[in-house]
Amino acid sequence: MNNMQCNIDAVGKAVRLKLGIMGVIAGMIISAVFILLEINLGIEWIIPLGIIGGGTFSMIEGWAGWCVVRAIGIKTPH
C-alpha cells in the first residue's frame, strides 16, 4: 500500500530538504515576531503555522525522496 516510491534524484532531495529547513526557520521567526508583538491567538496564526507545516512536509519529501507534485504527474526540474 506504500505508493511513496522514490521519484526524485539526490539534487531534488537536497533542494526540498533545504527549502523545508528554510521554511521551518522562517515560520519560527514569524511566530517569534507574533509573540513579541503580542498578537492574540486568532486567524493570523495560520500564517506561521502554515509555513512551518509546509516546511516540515518539504523536509519529509526530501528525506523520503518523494515529491507529491511529481506523483500527480507534473514535471519539475529536479
N, C-alpha and C. Protein backbone atom coordinates (compact mmCIF):
# COMPACT_ATOMS: atom_id res chain seq x y z
N MET A 1 0.81 -1.20 0.00
CA MET A 1 0.00 0.00 0.00
C MET A 1 0.86 1.26 0.00
N ASN A 2 2.16 1.11 0.18
CA ASN A 2 3.05 2.26 0.20
C ASN A 2 3.36 2.70 -1.22
N ASN A 3 2.71 3.77 -1.68
CA ASN A 3 2.93 4.28 -3.03
C ASN A 3 3.96 5.39 -3.07
N MET A 4 4.63 5.64 -1.98
CA MET A 4 5.62 6.72 -1.93
C MET A 4 6.97 6.19 -2.41
N GLN A 5 7.03 5.81 -3.67
CA GLN A 5 8.28 5.35 -4.25
C GLN A 5 9.14 6.55 -4.62
N CYS A 6 10.44 6.39 -4.51
CA CYS A 6 11.37 7.46 -4.82
C CYS A 6 11.15 7.96 -6.25
N ASN A 7 10.87 9.26 -6.39
CA ASN A 7 10.66 9.82 -7.72
C ASN A 7 11.48 11.08 -7.98
N ILE A 8 12.47 11.35 -7.12
CA ILE A 8 13.38 12.48 -7.33
C ILE A 8 14.82 12.02 -7.09
N ASP A 9 15.76 12.75 -7.71
CA ASP A 9 17.16 12.38 -7.56
C ASP A 9 17.77 13.07 -6.34
N ALA A 10 19.07 12.88 -6.16
CA ALA A 10 19.76 13.43 -5.00
C ALA A 10 19.70 14.96 -4.96
N VAL A 11 19.77 15.59 -6.13
CA VAL A 11 19.68 17.06 -6.17
C VAL A 11 18.30 17.51 -5.71
N GLY A 12 17.26 16.85 -6.17
CA GLY A 12 15.90 17.18 -5.76
C GLY A 12 15.69 16.98 -4.27
N LYS A 13 16.27 15.90 -3.74
CA LYS A 13 16.17 15.66 -2.30
C LYS A 13 16.81 16.80 -1.52
N ALA A 14 18.00 17.22 -1.96
CA ALA A 14 18.72 18.29 -1.26
C ALA A 14 17.95 19.61 -1.34
N VAL A 15 17.39 19.90 -2.52
CA VAL A 15 16.63 21.14 -2.69
C VAL A 15 15.43 21.15 -1.75
N ARG A 16 14.67 20.06 -1.70
CA ARG A 16 13.49 20.01 -0.85
C ARG A 16 13.86 20.09 0.63
N LEU A 17 14.95 19.44 1.00
CA LEU A 17 15.38 19.49 2.39
C LEU A 17 15.78 20.91 2.79
N LYS A 18 16.55 21.58 1.93
CA LYS A 18 16.98 22.95 2.23
C LYS A 18 15.79 23.91 2.28
N LEU A 19 14.87 23.78 1.32
CA LEU A 19 13.68 24.64 1.33
C LEU A 19 12.84 24.38 2.57
N GLY A 20 12.74 23.14 2.97
CA GLY A 20 11.99 22.80 4.17
C GLY A 20 12.60 23.40 5.42
N ILE A 21 13.91 23.31 5.54
CA ILE A 21 14.59 23.90 6.70
C ILE A 21 14.38 25.41 6.72
N MET A 22 14.52 26.05 5.55
CA MET A 22 14.30 27.49 5.49
C MET A 22 12.86 27.84 5.85
N GLY A 23 11.90 27.03 5.42
CA GLY A 23 10.51 27.28 5.75
C GLY A 23 10.23 27.17 7.23
N VAL A 24 10.77 26.14 7.85
CA VAL A 24 10.56 25.97 9.29
C VAL A 24 11.19 27.13 10.06
N ILE A 25 12.39 27.52 9.68
CA ILE A 25 13.06 28.64 10.35
C ILE A 25 12.27 29.93 10.15
N ALA A 26 11.81 30.19 8.92
CA ALA A 26 11.02 31.40 8.66
C ALA A 26 9.74 31.40 9.48
N GLY A 27 9.07 30.25 9.56
CA GLY A 27 7.85 30.16 10.36
C GLY A 27 8.10 30.40 11.83
N MET A 28 9.24 29.91 12.32
CA MET A 28 9.58 30.14 13.73
C MET A 28 9.89 31.61 13.99
N ILE A 29 10.56 32.26 13.03
CA ILE A 29 10.86 33.68 13.19
C ILE A 29 9.57 34.50 13.19
N ILE A 30 8.67 34.19 12.27
CA ILE A 30 7.39 34.90 12.21
C ILE A 30 6.60 34.65 13.50
N SER A 31 6.64 33.43 14.02
CA SER A 31 5.97 33.13 15.28
C SER A 31 6.56 33.96 16.42
N ALA A 32 7.88 34.08 16.45
CA ALA A 32 8.52 34.88 17.50
C ALA A 32 8.10 36.34 17.40
N VAL A 33 8.01 36.85 16.17
CA VAL A 33 7.57 38.23 15.98
C VAL A 33 6.14 38.39 16.47
N PHE A 34 5.28 37.43 16.15
CA PHE A 34 3.89 37.48 16.62
C PHE A 34 3.84 37.50 18.14
N ILE A 35 4.69 36.68 18.79
CA ILE A 35 4.70 36.64 20.25
C ILE A 35 5.22 37.96 20.81
N LEU A 36 6.29 38.50 20.22
CA LEU A 36 6.84 39.77 20.70
C LEU A 36 5.86 40.93 20.52
N LEU A 37 5.07 40.87 19.44
CA LEU A 37 4.06 41.92 19.20
C LEU A 37 2.76 41.64 19.93
N GLU A 38 2.74 40.55 20.69
CA GLU A 38 1.58 40.14 21.48
C GLU A 38 0.32 40.00 20.64
N ILE A 39 0.47 39.36 19.49
CA ILE A 39 -0.68 39.07 18.64
C ILE A 39 -1.42 37.88 19.24
N ASN A 40 -2.70 38.08 19.53
CA ASN A 40 -3.50 37.04 20.16
C ASN A 40 -3.70 35.86 19.23
N LEU A 41 -4.01 34.72 19.83
CA LEU A 41 -4.29 33.54 19.03
C LEU A 41 -5.57 33.78 18.23
N GLY A 42 -5.43 33.84 16.96
CA GLY A 42 -6.55 34.05 16.06
C GLY A 42 -6.17 33.56 14.68
N ILE A 43 -6.87 34.03 13.71
CA ILE A 43 -6.66 33.60 12.34
C ILE A 43 -5.27 33.97 11.83
N GLU A 44 -4.64 34.99 12.42
CA GLU A 44 -3.31 35.39 11.99
C GLU A 44 -2.28 34.28 12.17
N TRP A 45 -2.50 33.41 13.12
CA TRP A 45 -1.54 32.35 13.41
C TRP A 45 -1.51 31.28 12.34
N ILE A 46 -2.47 31.31 11.42
CA ILE A 46 -2.45 30.32 10.34
C ILE A 46 -1.24 30.56 9.42
N ILE A 47 -0.74 31.79 9.38
CA ILE A 47 0.40 32.10 8.52
C ILE A 47 1.66 31.37 8.98
N PRO A 48 2.14 31.59 10.21
CA PRO A 48 3.36 30.87 10.60
C PRO A 48 3.15 29.37 10.72
N LEU A 49 1.96 28.94 11.13
CA LEU A 49 1.71 27.50 11.24
C LEU A 49 1.71 26.85 9.86
N GLY A 50 1.17 27.53 8.87
CA GLY A 50 1.18 27.00 7.51
C GLY A 50 2.59 26.93 6.94
N ILE A 51 3.40 27.94 7.24
CA ILE A 51 4.78 27.94 6.75
C ILE A 51 5.58 26.82 7.41
N ILE A 52 5.40 26.64 8.71
CA ILE A 52 6.09 25.56 9.42
C ILE A 52 5.61 24.21 8.91
N GLY A 53 4.31 24.06 8.72
CA GLY A 53 3.77 22.80 8.22
C GLY A 53 4.26 22.48 6.81
N GLY A 54 4.27 23.50 5.95
CA GLY A 54 4.78 23.30 4.59
C GLY A 54 6.25 22.96 4.58
N GLY A 55 7.02 23.63 5.42
CA GLY A 55 8.45 23.34 5.52
C GLY A 55 8.70 21.93 6.03
N THR A 56 7.92 21.51 7.00
CA THR A 56 8.05 20.16 7.53
C THR A 56 7.73 19.12 6.45
N PHE A 57 6.66 19.37 5.70
CA PHE A 57 6.29 18.45 4.63
C PHE A 57 7.39 18.39 3.57
N SER A 58 7.98 19.52 3.24
CA SER A 58 9.07 19.55 2.26
C SER A 58 10.28 18.76 2.77
N MET A 59 10.57 18.86 4.06
CA MET A 59 11.68 18.10 4.63
C MET A 59 11.38 16.60 4.56
N ILE A 60 10.15 16.22 4.80
CA ILE A 60 9.77 14.80 4.70
C ILE A 60 9.92 14.32 3.26
N GLU A 61 9.52 15.15 2.29
CA GLU A 61 9.70 14.80 0.89
C GLU A 61 11.18 14.58 0.57
N GLY A 62 12.03 15.47 1.05
CA GLY A 62 13.46 15.33 0.81
C GLY A 62 14.04 14.08 1.45
N TRP A 63 13.58 13.78 2.65
CA TRP A 63 14.07 12.59 3.35
C TRP A 63 13.61 11.32 2.65
N ALA A 64 12.35 11.31 2.20
CA ALA A 64 11.79 10.11 1.58
C ALA A 64 12.16 9.99 0.10
N GLY A 65 12.60 11.07 -0.51
CA GLY A 65 12.90 11.03 -1.94
C GLY A 65 11.66 10.99 -2.79
N TRP A 66 10.60 11.56 -2.28
CA TRP A 66 9.30 11.51 -2.95
C TRP A 66 8.74 12.92 -3.04
N CYS A 67 8.22 13.28 -4.21
CA CYS A 67 7.66 14.61 -4.42
C CYS A 67 6.19 14.45 -4.81
N VAL A 68 5.32 15.09 -4.06
CA VAL A 68 3.88 14.99 -4.32
C VAL A 68 3.52 15.57 -5.68
N VAL A 69 4.19 16.65 -6.09
CA VAL A 69 3.91 17.28 -7.37
C VAL A 69 4.25 16.32 -8.51
N ARG A 70 5.39 15.66 -8.41
CA ARG A 70 5.76 14.67 -9.44
C ARG A 70 4.83 13.46 -9.39
N ALA A 71 4.37 13.11 -8.21
CA ALA A 71 3.50 11.94 -8.06
C ALA A 71 2.17 12.13 -8.78
N ILE A 72 1.71 13.39 -8.89
CA ILE A 72 0.45 13.63 -9.60
C ILE A 72 0.66 13.91 -11.08
N GLY A 73 1.92 13.84 -11.53
CA GLY A 73 2.21 13.91 -12.96
C GLY A 73 2.77 15.21 -13.49
N ILE A 74 3.04 16.17 -12.64
CA ILE A 74 3.61 17.45 -13.09
C ILE A 74 5.13 17.33 -13.10
N LYS A 75 5.74 17.73 -14.20
CA LYS A 75 7.20 17.66 -14.33
C LYS A 75 7.85 18.82 -13.58
N THR A 76 8.88 18.51 -12.80
CA THR A 76 9.65 19.52 -12.08
C THR A 76 11.11 19.41 -12.51
N PRO A 77 11.90 20.48 -12.33
CA PRO A 77 13.30 20.43 -12.76
C PRO A 77 14.12 19.36 -12.05
N HIS A 78 13.85 19.11 -10.76
CA HIS A 78 14.66 18.13 -10.01
C HIS A 78 13.73 17.14 -9.38
